[in-house]
Protein backbone atom coordinates (compact mmCIF):
# COMPACT_ATOMS: atom_id res chain seq x y z
CA UNK A 1 67.63 131.06 90.13
CA UNK A 2 70.26 133.31 91.75
CA UNK A 3 73.61 133.66 90.01
CA UNK A 4 76.62 132.24 91.87
CA UNK A 5 79.34 134.78 92.68
CA UNK A 6 82.61 132.83 92.54
CA UNK A 7 84.32 135.52 94.67
CA UNK A 8 82.16 134.16 97.52
CA UNK A 9 84.05 130.85 97.10
CA UNK A 10 87.51 132.18 96.15
CA UNK A 11 90.02 129.43 95.40
CA UNK A 12 87.59 126.55 95.81
CA UNK A 13 86.78 124.15 92.99
CA UNK A 14 85.49 120.63 92.41
CA UNK A 15 84.13 118.72 95.41
CA UNK A 16 84.93 121.46 97.94
CA UNK A 17 83.21 124.17 95.84
CA UNK A 18 80.14 121.96 95.34
CA UNK A 19 79.94 121.32 99.09
CA UNK A 20 80.19 125.00 100.00
CA UNK A 21 77.51 125.88 97.44
CA UNK A 22 75.26 123.01 98.57
CA UNK A 23 75.34 124.30 102.15
CA UNK A 24 75.24 127.98 100.99
CA UNK A 25 78.43 128.69 102.93
CA UNK A 26 80.68 131.31 101.32
CA UNK A 27 84.19 132.18 102.51
CA UNK A 28 84.43 134.32 105.65
CA UNK A 29 81.40 132.50 107.11
CA UNK A 30 81.67 131.66 110.80
CA UNK A 31 80.37 128.09 110.97
CA UNK A 32 80.06 124.89 112.91
CA UNK A 33 80.70 121.84 110.72
CA UNK A 34 79.63 118.32 111.69
CA UNK A 35 81.56 115.31 110.35
CA UNK A 36 81.85 111.67 111.43
CA UNK A 37 85.02 112.67 113.32
CA UNK A 38 83.32 115.43 115.31
CA UNK A 39 82.16 119.01 115.29
CA UNK A 40 84.45 121.89 114.29
CA UNK A 41 83.85 125.64 114.69
CA UNK A 42 85.67 128.32 112.77
CA UNK A 43 85.88 130.69 109.85
CA UNK A 44 85.84 129.40 106.25
CA UNK A 45 89.03 130.71 104.63
CA UNK A 46 89.69 131.32 100.93
CA UNK A 47 92.11 128.91 99.26
CA UNK A 48 94.96 129.18 96.86
CA UNK A 49 93.68 128.36 93.39
CA UNK A 50 96.41 125.71 93.06
CA UNK A 51 95.27 123.87 96.23
CA UNK A 52 93.48 120.53 95.98
CA UNK A 53 89.74 120.38 95.36
CA UNK A 54 88.88 118.01 98.22
CA UNK A 55 89.32 120.09 101.41
CA UNK A 56 87.72 123.12 103.00
CA UNK A 57 89.99 125.25 105.19
CA UNK A 58 88.70 126.35 108.57
CA UNK A 59 90.41 128.82 110.92
CA UNK A 60 89.56 127.63 114.42
CA UNK A 61 89.02 130.07 117.34
CA UNK A 62 92.35 128.93 118.85
CA UNK A 63 94.16 130.19 115.73
CA UNK A 64 94.95 126.89 114.00
CA UNK A 65 93.90 126.23 110.41
CA UNK A 66 92.56 122.78 109.59
CA UNK A 67 91.50 121.12 106.36
CA UNK A 68 88.23 119.21 106.41
CA UNK A 69 87.50 116.66 103.69
CA UNK A 70 84.47 118.08 101.87
CA UNK A 71 82.97 114.62 101.34
CA UNK A 72 82.86 114.01 105.12
CA UNK A 73 80.74 117.08 105.93
CA UNK A 74 77.31 115.97 107.09
CA UNK A 75 75.87 119.26 108.31
CA UNK A 76 76.80 122.85 108.90
CA UNK A 77 75.41 125.65 110.96
CA UNK A 78 76.14 129.23 109.90
CA UNK A 79 76.97 131.28 112.94
CA UNK A 80 77.51 134.55 110.99
CA UNK A 81 79.29 135.94 107.92
CA UNK A 82 82.33 138.16 108.37
CA UNK A 83 83.91 140.55 105.91
CA UNK A 84 87.56 140.46 105.01
CA UNK A 85 89.49 143.48 106.14
CA UNK A 86 91.90 143.02 103.22
């Protein structure tokens, strides 16, 4: 079994971390996420380690950041993985 690199999921914990690992979706992945409320495209952003454990942050192509409740994610499609320029 491959070892999990927590840097790939920086700042995530609990339900959100489990969801990202389940779907093999590290931060900086360009994804489409399907929930009961609709489909959302964007880049998975890292989180502050003091942030709640229930939401995944997505930077949408229009520039807005949204939080998606991890428990509502039904499917995801990886579009590509980007590298941070930081």
